[in-house]
N, C-alpha and C. Protein backbone atom coordinates (compact mmCIF):
# COMPACT_ATOMS: atom_id res chain seq x y z
N MET A 1 206.20 101.78 96.46
CA MET A 1 204.98 101.37 97.15
C MET A 1 205.34 100.76 98.51
N ASN A 2 204.65 101.21 99.54
CA ASN A 2 204.86 100.66 100.88
C ASN A 2 203.92 99.47 101.06
N ARG A 3 204.42 98.28 100.72
CA ARG A 3 203.59 97.08 100.76
C ARG A 3 203.41 96.58 102.19
N LYS A 4 202.22 96.12 102.49
CA LYS A 4 201.97 95.49 103.78
C LYS A 4 202.24 94.00 103.67
N ARG A 5 202.85 93.45 104.71
CA ARG A 5 203.16 92.02 104.70
C ARG A 5 202.08 91.25 105.43
N VAL A 6 201.49 90.28 104.73
CA VAL A 6 200.44 89.42 105.27
C VAL A 6 201.04 88.04 105.54
N GLY A 7 200.91 87.57 106.75
CA GLY A 7 201.34 86.22 107.10
C GLY A 7 200.14 85.32 107.30
N ILE A 8 200.13 84.19 106.60
CA ILE A 8 199.05 83.21 106.73
C ILE A 8 199.64 81.95 107.36
N VAL A 9 199.05 81.51 108.46
CA VAL A 9 199.57 80.38 109.22
C VAL A 9 199.06 79.06 108.63
N LEU A 10 199.95 78.09 108.53
CA LEU A 10 199.60 76.75 108.05
C LEU A 10 199.83 75.72 109.16
N PHE A 11 199.06 74.64 109.11
CA PHE A 11 199.24 73.52 110.03
C PHE A 11 198.59 72.30 109.40
N LYS A 12 198.89 71.14 109.91
CA LYS A 12 198.36 69.89 109.35
C LYS A 12 196.83 69.92 109.33
N ASP A 13 196.26 69.51 108.20
CA ASP A 13 194.82 69.44 108.01
C ASP A 13 194.13 70.80 108.04
N VAL A 14 194.87 71.84 107.66
CA VAL A 14 194.25 73.15 107.48
C VAL A 14 193.30 73.09 106.28
N GLU A 15 192.20 73.77 106.35
CA GLU A 15 191.24 73.79 105.24
C GLU A 15 191.82 74.62 104.09
N VAL A 16 191.79 74.06 102.89
CA VAL A 16 192.49 74.68 101.76
C VAL A 16 191.98 76.09 101.44
N LEU A 17 190.67 76.24 101.27
CA LEU A 17 190.16 77.56 100.90
C LEU A 17 190.30 78.58 102.03
N ASP A 18 190.40 78.09 103.26
CA ASP A 18 190.60 79.00 104.39
C ASP A 18 191.86 79.85 104.20
N PHE A 19 192.92 79.23 103.66
CA PHE A 19 194.14 80.01 103.47
C PHE A 19 194.31 80.46 102.02
N CYS A 20 193.83 79.67 101.07
CA CYS A 20 193.98 80.04 99.66
C CYS A 20 193.07 81.20 99.28
N GLY A 21 191.88 81.29 99.89
CA GLY A 21 190.98 82.39 99.59
C GLY A 21 191.58 83.74 99.93
N PRO A 22 192.00 83.95 101.20
CA PRO A 22 192.67 85.21 101.53
C PRO A 22 193.96 85.42 100.74
N PHE A 23 194.71 84.35 100.50
CA PHE A 23 195.95 84.48 99.72
C PHE A 23 195.63 85.07 98.35
N GLU A 24 194.58 84.57 97.71
CA GLU A 24 194.19 85.06 96.39
C GLU A 24 193.79 86.53 96.44
N VAL A 25 192.99 86.90 97.43
CA VAL A 25 192.54 88.29 97.54
C VAL A 25 193.72 89.23 97.69
N PHE A 26 194.59 88.93 98.65
CA PHE A 26 195.71 89.84 98.93
C PHE A 26 196.71 89.88 97.78
N SER A 27 196.95 88.75 97.15
CA SER A 27 197.92 88.73 96.05
C SER A 27 197.33 89.30 94.76
N ALA A 28 196.00 89.26 94.62
CA ALA A 28 195.36 89.75 93.40
C ALA A 28 195.01 91.23 93.47
N ALA A 29 195.03 91.82 94.64
CA ALA A 29 194.66 93.23 94.78
C ALA A 29 195.63 94.12 94.00
N ARG A 30 195.08 95.17 93.39
CA ARG A 30 195.88 96.17 92.67
C ARG A 30 195.31 97.55 92.96
N LEU A 31 196.19 98.51 93.13
CA LEU A 31 195.74 99.88 93.35
C LEU A 31 195.23 100.51 92.06
N ASN A 32 195.78 100.05 90.93
CA ASN A 32 195.38 100.55 89.63
C ASN A 32 195.02 99.37 88.74
N GLU A 33 193.74 99.12 88.60
CA GLU A 33 193.29 97.93 87.87
C GLU A 33 193.75 97.96 86.42
N ASP A 34 193.90 99.14 85.84
CA ASP A 34 194.32 99.24 84.44
C ASP A 34 195.78 98.83 84.23
N SER A 35 196.53 98.78 85.31
CA SER A 35 197.95 98.39 85.23
C SER A 35 198.19 97.07 85.95
N ARG A 36 197.17 96.21 85.94
CA ARG A 36 197.25 94.96 86.69
C ARG A 36 198.48 94.13 86.36
N ARG A 37 198.85 94.06 85.09
CA ARG A 37 199.98 93.20 84.69
C ARG A 37 201.32 93.84 85.01
N GLU A 38 201.34 95.16 85.17
CA GLU A 38 202.60 95.86 85.38
C GLU A 38 202.88 96.13 86.86
N GLU A 39 201.84 96.23 87.65
CA GLU A 39 202.01 96.60 89.06
C GLU A 39 202.01 95.38 89.98
N LEU A 40 202.64 95.56 91.13
CA LEU A 40 202.59 94.56 92.19
C LEU A 40 201.36 94.80 93.05
N SER A 41 200.94 93.77 93.75
CA SER A 41 199.92 93.94 94.78
C SER A 41 200.48 94.82 95.89
N PRO A 42 199.63 95.59 96.56
CA PRO A 42 200.10 96.35 97.72
C PRO A 42 200.38 95.47 98.93
N TYR A 43 200.23 94.16 98.74
CA TYR A 43 200.49 93.20 99.81
C TYR A 43 201.57 92.20 99.40
N GLU A 44 202.44 91.90 100.32
CA GLU A 44 203.35 90.76 100.18
C GLU A 44 202.79 89.65 101.05
N VAL A 45 202.48 88.53 100.47
CA VAL A 45 201.82 87.44 101.20
C VAL A 45 202.81 86.30 101.43
N ILE A 46 202.95 85.89 102.68
CA ILE A 46 203.86 84.79 103.02
C ILE A 46 203.10 83.72 103.80
N LEU A 47 203.59 82.50 103.70
CA LEU A 47 203.03 81.37 104.43
C LEU A 47 203.98 80.99 105.56
N VAL A 48 203.41 80.78 106.76
CA VAL A 48 204.21 80.53 107.95
C VAL A 48 203.72 79.25 108.63
N ALA A 49 204.65 78.40 109.04
CA ALA A 49 204.31 77.18 109.76
C ALA A 49 205.26 77.00 110.93
N GLU A 50 204.91 76.11 111.82
CA GLU A 50 205.78 75.88 112.98
C GLU A 50 207.13 75.29 112.56
N LYS A 51 207.10 74.39 111.59
CA LYS A 51 208.32 73.70 111.16
C LYS A 51 208.51 73.84 109.66
N ASN A 52 209.74 73.68 109.23
CA ASN A 52 210.09 73.87 107.82
C ASN A 52 209.93 72.57 107.03
N ASN A 53 208.73 72.03 107.06
CA ASN A 53 208.40 70.81 106.32
C ASN A 53 207.15 71.07 105.49
N PRO A 54 206.94 70.28 104.42
CA PRO A 54 205.67 70.42 103.69
C PRO A 54 204.49 70.20 104.63
N VAL A 55 203.51 71.07 104.54
CA VAL A 55 202.30 70.95 105.35
C VAL A 55 201.24 70.25 104.51
N VAL A 56 200.66 69.19 105.04
CA VAL A 56 199.62 68.45 104.33
C VAL A 56 198.27 69.02 104.75
N ALA A 57 197.65 69.73 103.83
CA ALA A 57 196.36 70.37 104.10
C ALA A 57 195.23 69.37 103.91
N ALA A 58 194.01 69.80 104.20
CA ALA A 58 192.84 68.96 103.99
C ALA A 58 192.77 68.53 102.53
N GLY A 59 192.43 67.28 102.30
CA GLY A 59 192.35 66.77 100.94
C GLY A 59 193.68 66.28 100.39
N GLY A 60 194.76 66.48 101.15
CA GLY A 60 196.06 65.96 100.74
C GLY A 60 196.97 66.95 100.05
N MET A 61 196.52 68.19 99.84
CA MET A 61 197.41 69.19 99.23
C MET A 61 198.65 69.39 100.11
N LYS A 62 199.82 69.41 99.47
CA LYS A 62 201.07 69.65 100.20
C LYS A 62 201.55 71.07 99.89
N VAL A 63 201.87 71.81 100.94
CA VAL A 63 202.23 73.22 100.81
C VAL A 63 203.55 73.47 101.53
N LEU A 64 204.45 74.21 100.87
CA LEU A 64 205.73 74.56 101.49
C LEU A 64 205.63 75.94 102.13
N PRO A 65 205.88 76.06 103.43
CA PRO A 65 205.85 77.38 104.06
C PRO A 65 207.07 78.20 103.63
N ASP A 66 206.90 79.51 103.63
CA ASP A 66 208.01 80.42 103.33
C ASP A 66 208.89 80.64 104.55
N TYR A 67 208.28 80.61 105.72
CA TYR A 67 208.99 80.85 106.97
C TYR A 67 208.45 79.94 108.06
N VAL A 68 209.22 79.80 109.11
CA VAL A 68 208.76 79.09 110.31
C VAL A 68 208.57 80.13 111.42
N PHE A 69 207.99 79.69 112.51
CA PHE A 69 207.72 80.62 113.61
C PHE A 69 208.97 81.38 114.03
N GLU A 70 210.10 80.68 114.08
CA GLU A 70 211.33 81.28 114.62
C GLU A 70 211.90 82.39 113.74
N ASN A 71 211.75 82.28 112.42
CA ASN A 71 212.39 83.28 111.55
C ASN A 71 211.39 84.13 110.77
N CYS A 72 210.12 84.08 111.17
CA CYS A 72 209.10 84.87 110.47
C CYS A 72 209.39 86.36 110.63
N PRO A 73 209.40 87.10 109.52
CA PRO A 73 209.65 88.54 109.61
C PRO A 73 208.46 89.29 110.20
N LYS A 74 208.64 90.56 110.40
CA LYS A 74 207.57 91.40 110.94
C LYS A 74 206.36 91.37 110.01
N LEU A 75 205.18 91.28 110.58
CA LEU A 75 203.95 91.20 109.82
C LEU A 75 203.07 92.42 110.12
N ASP A 76 202.29 92.80 109.11
CA ASP A 76 201.27 93.83 109.30
C ASP A 76 199.89 93.22 109.51
N VAL A 77 199.64 92.12 108.81
CA VAL A 77 198.37 91.41 108.89
C VAL A 77 198.65 89.94 109.15
N LEU A 78 197.93 89.35 110.09
CA LEU A 78 198.08 87.93 110.40
C LEU A 78 196.75 87.23 110.17
N VAL A 79 196.78 86.16 109.38
CA VAL A 79 195.58 85.38 109.05
C VAL A 79 195.71 83.99 109.64
N ILE A 80 194.72 83.60 110.46
CA ILE A 80 194.70 82.27 111.06
C ILE A 80 193.55 81.48 110.45
N PRO A 81 193.84 80.54 109.56
CA PRO A 81 192.77 79.72 108.97
C PRO A 81 192.33 78.63 109.93
N GLY A 82 191.31 77.90 109.51
CA GLY A 82 190.80 76.81 110.34
C GLY A 82 190.88 75.48 109.62
N GLY A 83 190.03 74.57 110.02
CA GLY A 83 190.04 73.23 109.45
C GLY A 83 190.08 72.18 110.55
N TRP A 84 190.02 70.93 110.14
CA TRP A 84 190.00 69.84 111.12
C TRP A 84 191.24 69.83 112.01
N GLY A 85 192.35 70.31 111.48
CA GLY A 85 193.61 70.32 112.24
C GLY A 85 193.59 71.24 113.44
N VAL A 86 192.61 72.12 113.53
CA VAL A 86 192.52 73.03 114.68
C VAL A 86 192.43 72.24 115.98
N ARG A 87 191.78 71.10 115.96
CA ARG A 87 191.60 70.32 117.18
C ARG A 87 192.93 69.91 117.79
N GLU A 88 193.89 69.56 116.96
CA GLU A 88 195.23 69.24 117.47
C GLU A 88 195.99 70.51 117.84
N GLU A 89 195.81 71.56 117.07
CA GLU A 89 196.53 72.80 117.33
C GLU A 89 196.08 73.46 118.64
N LEU A 90 194.89 73.17 119.10
CA LEU A 90 194.45 73.69 120.39
C LEU A 90 195.30 73.14 121.53
N LYS A 91 195.99 72.04 121.28
CA LYS A 91 196.88 71.44 122.29
C LYS A 91 198.33 71.88 122.10
N ASN A 92 198.58 72.64 121.03
CA ASN A 92 199.95 73.00 120.65
C ASN A 92 200.38 74.29 121.36
N ILE A 93 201.23 74.15 122.36
CA ILE A 93 201.68 75.30 123.14
C ILE A 93 202.48 76.27 122.27
N ALA A 94 203.27 75.73 121.33
CA ALA A 94 204.07 76.58 120.46
C ALA A 94 203.17 77.49 119.61
N MET A 95 202.08 76.95 119.10
CA MET A 95 201.13 77.75 118.33
C MET A 95 200.50 78.81 119.21
N ARG A 96 200.05 78.43 120.38
CA ARG A 96 199.39 79.37 121.30
C ARG A 96 200.32 80.53 121.66
N ASP A 97 201.56 80.19 122.03
CA ASP A 97 202.50 81.23 122.46
C ASP A 97 202.91 82.13 121.30
N TRP A 98 203.07 81.55 120.10
CA TRP A 98 203.45 82.36 118.94
C TRP A 98 202.33 83.34 118.58
N LEU A 99 201.10 82.87 118.64
CA LEU A 99 199.97 83.75 118.34
C LEU A 99 199.88 84.88 119.35
N ARG A 100 200.11 84.59 120.61
CA ARG A 100 200.08 85.63 121.63
C ARG A 100 201.14 86.69 121.34
N THR A 101 202.33 86.25 121.00
CA THR A 101 203.42 87.20 120.75
C THR A 101 203.15 88.02 119.50
N ARG A 102 202.82 87.36 118.41
CA ARG A 102 202.63 88.05 117.14
C ARG A 102 201.38 88.93 117.12
N SER A 103 200.37 88.55 117.87
CA SER A 103 199.13 89.33 117.86
C SER A 103 199.36 90.75 118.36
N SER A 104 200.32 90.92 119.25
CA SER A 104 200.58 92.25 119.80
C SER A 104 201.39 93.11 118.85
N GLU A 105 201.94 92.50 117.80
CA GLU A 105 202.83 93.22 116.88
C GLU A 105 202.14 93.63 115.59
N VAL A 106 201.05 92.95 115.23
CA VAL A 106 200.41 93.23 113.93
C VAL A 106 199.35 94.31 114.08
N GLU A 107 199.04 94.98 112.97
CA GLU A 107 198.00 96.01 113.01
C GLU A 107 196.62 95.41 112.78
N THR A 108 196.58 94.25 112.09
CA THR A 108 195.30 93.58 111.83
C THR A 108 195.45 92.09 112.09
N LEU A 109 194.60 91.55 112.95
CA LEU A 109 194.61 90.14 113.31
C LEU A 109 193.31 89.52 112.83
N THR A 110 193.40 88.47 112.02
CA THR A 110 192.19 87.90 111.42
C THR A 110 192.16 86.38 111.55
N SER A 111 190.95 85.85 111.42
CA SER A 111 190.80 84.39 111.38
C SER A 111 189.73 84.02 110.37
N VAL A 112 189.82 82.80 109.89
CA VAL A 112 188.83 82.23 108.98
C VAL A 112 188.33 80.94 109.61
N CYS A 113 187.02 80.74 109.58
CA CYS A 113 186.46 79.47 110.01
C CYS A 113 186.85 79.19 111.47
N THR A 114 187.27 77.98 111.78
CA THR A 114 187.63 77.62 113.15
C THR A 114 189.00 78.15 113.56
N GLY A 115 189.63 78.93 112.71
CA GLY A 115 190.84 79.62 113.14
C GLY A 115 190.58 80.51 114.34
N SER A 116 189.33 80.98 114.48
CA SER A 116 188.98 81.81 115.64
C SER A 116 189.10 81.03 116.94
N MET A 117 188.99 79.71 116.87
CA MET A 117 189.17 78.90 118.08
C MET A 117 190.61 79.00 118.58
N LEU A 118 191.55 79.12 117.65
CA LEU A 118 192.95 79.27 118.04
C LEU A 118 193.20 80.65 118.65
N LEU A 119 192.50 81.65 118.13
CA LEU A 119 192.61 82.98 118.74
C LEU A 119 192.03 82.95 120.15
N GLY A 120 190.88 82.31 120.30
CA GLY A 120 190.27 82.21 121.63
C GLY A 120 191.16 81.44 122.58
N ASN A 121 191.78 80.39 122.10
CA ASN A 121 192.65 79.56 122.93
C ASN A 121 193.87 80.35 123.41
N ALA A 122 194.27 81.33 122.63
CA ALA A 122 195.42 82.17 123.00
C ALA A 122 194.99 83.36 123.85
N GLY A 123 193.70 83.43 124.18
CA GLY A 123 193.20 84.51 125.01
C GLY A 123 193.03 85.83 124.30
N LEU A 124 192.91 85.79 122.97
CA LEU A 124 192.90 87.01 122.18
C LEU A 124 191.50 87.53 121.86
N LEU A 125 190.47 86.77 122.27
CA LEU A 125 189.09 87.19 121.99
C LEU A 125 188.34 87.53 123.27
N HIS A 126 189.03 87.65 124.38
CA HIS A 126 188.39 87.89 125.67
C HIS A 126 187.53 89.15 125.62
N GLY A 127 186.24 88.97 125.93
CA GLY A 127 185.31 90.09 125.98
C GLY A 127 184.87 90.63 124.64
N LEU A 128 185.22 89.95 123.57
CA LEU A 128 184.90 90.43 122.23
C LEU A 128 183.78 89.61 121.60
N SER A 129 183.25 90.11 120.49
CA SER A 129 182.35 89.33 119.64
C SER A 129 183.17 88.65 118.56
N ALA A 130 182.77 87.45 118.17
CA ALA A 130 183.52 86.70 117.16
C ALA A 130 182.60 85.68 116.52
N THR A 131 183.08 85.07 115.44
CA THR A 131 182.31 84.00 114.80
C THR A 131 183.25 82.92 114.30
N THR A 132 182.66 81.87 113.76
CA THR A 132 183.41 80.72 113.28
C THR A 132 182.52 79.95 112.30
N HIS A 133 182.96 78.79 111.86
CA HIS A 133 182.14 77.95 110.98
C HIS A 133 180.82 77.62 111.67
N TRP A 134 179.74 77.58 110.90
CA TRP A 134 178.42 77.38 111.52
C TRP A 134 178.32 76.10 112.33
N ARG A 135 179.07 75.07 111.94
CA ARG A 135 179.03 73.82 112.70
C ARG A 135 179.74 73.94 114.06
N SER A 136 180.53 74.97 114.23
CA SER A 136 181.34 75.11 115.45
C SER A 136 180.89 76.26 116.35
N LEU A 137 179.77 76.90 116.02
CA LEU A 137 179.32 78.04 116.81
C LEU A 137 179.04 77.65 118.26
N GLU A 138 178.33 76.56 118.46
CA GLU A 138 178.04 76.12 119.83
C GLU A 138 179.32 75.70 120.55
N TRP A 139 180.23 75.05 119.83
CA TRP A 139 181.52 74.64 120.40
C TRP A 139 182.27 75.87 120.90
N MET A 140 182.28 76.92 120.11
CA MET A 140 182.95 78.16 120.50
C MET A 140 182.30 78.75 121.75
N ARG A 141 180.98 78.75 121.79
CA ARG A 141 180.28 79.31 122.94
C ARG A 141 180.58 78.52 124.21
N GLU A 142 180.69 77.20 124.07
CA GLU A 142 180.98 76.36 125.23
C GLU A 142 182.43 76.55 125.69
N LEU A 143 183.35 76.64 124.74
CA LEU A 143 184.77 76.70 125.06
C LEU A 143 185.19 78.07 125.57
N PHE A 144 184.54 79.12 125.04
CA PHE A 144 184.92 80.48 125.41
C PHE A 144 183.68 81.28 125.83
N PRO A 145 183.20 81.06 127.05
CA PRO A 145 181.97 81.71 127.50
C PRO A 145 182.09 83.23 127.62
N ASP A 146 183.31 83.76 127.63
CA ASP A 146 183.49 85.21 127.72
C ASP A 146 183.46 85.88 126.34
N VAL A 147 183.29 85.07 125.28
CA VAL A 147 183.20 85.59 123.92
C VAL A 147 181.74 85.64 123.49
N THR A 148 181.31 86.76 122.91
CA THR A 148 179.96 86.84 122.35
C THR A 148 179.99 86.25 120.95
N VAL A 149 179.40 85.08 120.79
CA VAL A 149 179.45 84.36 119.53
C VAL A 149 178.33 84.86 118.61
N GLU A 150 178.71 85.34 117.44
CA GLU A 150 177.76 85.87 116.48
C GLU A 150 177.30 84.76 115.53
N PHE A 151 176.03 84.41 115.58
CA PHE A 151 175.49 83.31 114.80
C PHE A 151 175.06 83.74 113.39
N ASP A 152 174.74 85.01 113.20
CA ASP A 152 174.12 85.45 111.96
C ASP A 152 175.02 86.26 111.05
N LYS A 153 176.23 86.59 111.50
CA LYS A 153 177.13 87.42 110.72
C LYS A 153 178.20 86.59 110.02
N ARG A 154 178.51 87.00 108.80
CA ARG A 154 179.55 86.31 108.04
C ARG A 154 180.95 86.79 108.44
N VAL A 155 181.06 88.05 108.77
CA VAL A 155 182.32 88.63 109.23
C VAL A 155 182.03 89.48 110.46
N VAL A 156 182.88 89.37 111.48
CA VAL A 156 182.72 90.16 112.70
C VAL A 156 183.98 90.99 112.90
N GLU A 157 183.81 92.30 112.96
CA GLU A 157 184.93 93.21 113.14
C GLU A 157 184.91 93.79 114.55
N GLU A 158 186.02 93.63 115.25
CA GLU A 158 186.20 94.19 116.59
C GLU A 158 187.50 94.98 116.58
N GLY A 159 187.43 96.20 116.05
CA GLY A 159 188.65 96.98 115.94
C GLY A 159 189.63 96.33 114.99
N ARG A 160 190.81 96.01 115.48
CA ARG A 160 191.83 95.42 114.62
C ARG A 160 191.70 93.91 114.49
N ILE A 161 190.73 93.32 115.20
CA ILE A 161 190.52 91.86 115.15
C ILE A 161 189.28 91.56 114.31
N ILE A 162 189.46 90.73 113.29
CA ILE A 162 188.36 90.38 112.39
C ILE A 162 188.27 88.86 112.31
N THR A 163 187.12 88.31 112.66
CA THR A 163 186.88 86.88 112.51
C THR A 163 185.83 86.67 111.44
N SER A 164 185.89 85.52 110.77
CA SER A 164 184.91 85.26 109.72
C SER A 164 184.34 83.86 109.85
N ALA A 165 183.23 83.65 109.20
CA ALA A 165 182.57 82.36 109.19
C ALA A 165 183.41 81.36 108.38
N GLY A 166 182.78 80.26 107.99
CA GLY A 166 183.54 79.16 107.43
C GLY A 166 184.02 79.32 105.99
N ILE A 167 185.21 78.85 105.74
CA ILE A 167 185.80 78.55 104.44
C ILE A 167 185.74 79.73 103.48
N SER A 168 184.71 79.83 102.63
CA SER A 168 184.67 80.90 101.63
C SER A 168 184.52 82.28 102.26
N ALA A 169 184.07 82.34 103.52
CA ALA A 169 183.91 83.63 104.19
C ALA A 169 185.25 84.32 104.39
N GLY A 170 186.34 83.57 104.31
CA GLY A 170 187.66 84.19 104.41
C GLY A 170 187.92 85.16 103.27
N ILE A 171 187.28 84.93 102.12
CA ILE A 171 187.41 85.86 101.00
C ILE A 171 186.74 87.18 101.36
N ASP A 172 185.55 87.10 101.96
CA ASP A 172 184.85 88.31 102.41
C ASP A 172 185.71 89.07 103.41
N MET A 173 186.29 88.34 104.35
CA MET A 173 187.13 88.97 105.37
C MET A 173 188.30 89.70 104.73
N ALA A 174 188.99 89.04 103.80
CA ALA A 174 190.15 89.64 103.17
C ALA A 174 189.76 90.87 102.35
N LEU A 175 188.61 90.82 101.69
CA LEU A 175 188.13 91.98 100.94
C LEU A 175 187.87 93.16 101.88
N ARG A 176 187.40 92.87 103.08
CA ARG A 176 187.19 93.94 104.05
C ARG A 176 188.51 94.57 104.48
N VAL A 177 189.52 93.75 104.62
CA VAL A 177 190.84 94.29 104.98
C VAL A 177 191.36 95.18 103.86
N VAL A 178 191.22 94.72 102.62
CA VAL A 178 191.63 95.54 101.48
C VAL A 178 190.87 96.86 101.46
N ALA A 179 189.57 96.81 101.71
CA ALA A 179 188.75 98.03 101.74
C ALA A 179 189.21 98.97 102.85
N ARG A 180 189.57 98.41 103.98
CA ARG A 180 190.08 99.24 105.09
C ARG A 180 191.34 100.00 104.66
N HIS A 181 192.23 99.30 104.01
CA HIS A 181 193.53 99.88 103.68
C HIS A 181 193.46 100.79 102.45
N HIS A 182 192.69 100.40 101.43
CA HIS A 182 192.79 101.05 100.13
C HIS A 182 191.45 101.51 99.55
N GLY A 183 190.38 101.35 100.32
CA GLY A 183 189.08 101.83 99.87
C GLY A 183 188.24 100.74 99.21
N GLU A 184 186.94 100.94 99.24
CA GLU A 184 186.01 99.95 98.70
C GLU A 184 186.19 99.74 97.20
N GLY A 185 186.60 100.79 96.48
CA GLY A 185 186.79 100.66 95.04
C GLY A 185 187.83 99.61 94.69
N VAL A 186 188.94 99.62 95.41
CA VAL A 186 189.99 98.62 95.18
C VAL A 186 189.49 97.23 95.56
N ALA A 187 188.76 97.14 96.67
CA ALA A 187 188.21 95.84 97.09
C ALA A 187 187.23 95.30 96.07
N ARG A 188 186.37 96.16 95.55
CA ARG A 188 185.39 95.72 94.55
C ARG A 188 186.08 95.29 93.26
N ALA A 189 187.11 96.02 92.86
CA ALA A 189 187.84 95.65 91.64
C ALA A 189 188.55 94.31 91.83
N THR A 190 189.04 94.05 93.04
CA THR A 190 189.67 92.76 93.33
C THR A 190 188.66 91.63 93.22
N ALA A 191 187.48 91.83 93.80
CA ALA A 191 186.43 90.81 93.73
C ALA A 191 186.00 90.59 92.28
N MET A 192 185.91 91.66 91.52
CA MET A 192 185.52 91.52 90.12
C MET A 192 186.56 90.73 89.34
N HIS A 193 187.83 91.02 89.59
CA HIS A 193 188.90 90.26 88.93
C HIS A 193 188.78 88.77 89.25
N MET A 194 188.43 88.45 90.48
CA MET A 194 188.30 87.06 90.92
C MET A 194 186.98 86.44 90.47
N GLU A 195 186.08 87.27 89.90
CA GLU A 195 184.71 86.83 89.58
C GLU A 195 184.03 86.27 90.82
N TYR A 196 184.20 87.02 91.92
CA TYR A 196 183.57 86.68 93.19
C TYR A 196 182.56 87.77 93.52
N PRO A 197 181.33 87.42 93.84
CA PRO A 197 180.32 88.45 94.14
C PRO A 197 180.74 89.28 95.35
N TYR A 198 180.84 90.59 95.16
CA TYR A 198 181.23 91.44 96.28
C TYR A 198 180.16 91.37 97.36
N PRO A 199 180.54 91.13 98.60
CA PRO A 199 179.54 90.98 99.67
C PRO A 199 178.82 92.30 99.98
N GLU A 200 177.59 92.42 99.55
CA GLU A 200 176.81 93.63 99.74
C GLU A 200 176.19 93.70 101.13
N ASN A 201 176.09 92.55 101.78
CA ASN A 201 175.62 92.53 103.17
C ASN A 201 176.44 91.51 103.95
N ASN A 202 176.18 91.43 105.23
CA ASN A 202 176.99 90.59 106.11
C ASN A 202 176.22 89.40 106.65
N ASP A 203 175.18 88.98 105.95
CA ASP A 203 174.39 87.85 106.41
C ASP A 203 175.12 86.54 106.18
N ARG A 204 175.05 85.65 107.16
CA ARG A 204 175.64 84.32 107.00
C ARG A 204 174.87 83.56 105.92
N ARG A 205 175.59 82.95 104.99
CA ARG A 205 174.94 82.34 103.82
C ARG A 205 174.77 80.83 103.98
N VAL A 206 173.99 80.43 104.95
CA VAL A 206 173.67 79.01 105.11
C VAL A 206 172.18 78.86 105.35
């Protein structure tokens, strides 16, 4: 099996479900649901942080990254979660520069929640439509006037760049990536395994 490698970025005060939701989708996906226990996911999921220290996420969860920016292997899919820590990461030149470099190498670039603010800060959303957590929609519009901010969509797809609304919307985003790669049937089976309602429409649920 030619597995795709998914890298999920971590930073201090990252929102837990922002990264755990996509992690669950990609790690739980199976091409053959009847062989779930015997087969691997078509995705290899790794966690990446700037430094090789435990990352303290929102709520106090401590997470060990698999790689740091310097030794991260080649990625096919890059996931940028959000959370309160985004405000500090917007000042982090190392994060900005790493995202710029890696964004040109991956086939699919994604964000969850306010992770899209980090993409915008790196200049990766110029002239595109995007979304973020509902509380940050106006903030995004003010900070990035060249971005068309989508207020009513849960997931926004712009070619290889996919942004999603807040927190649980990252699951919807990841299911869309699975559907792109392996078809809607595999995505639906993944959602069913997770007991997560498959998103039948793209309306923001607030």
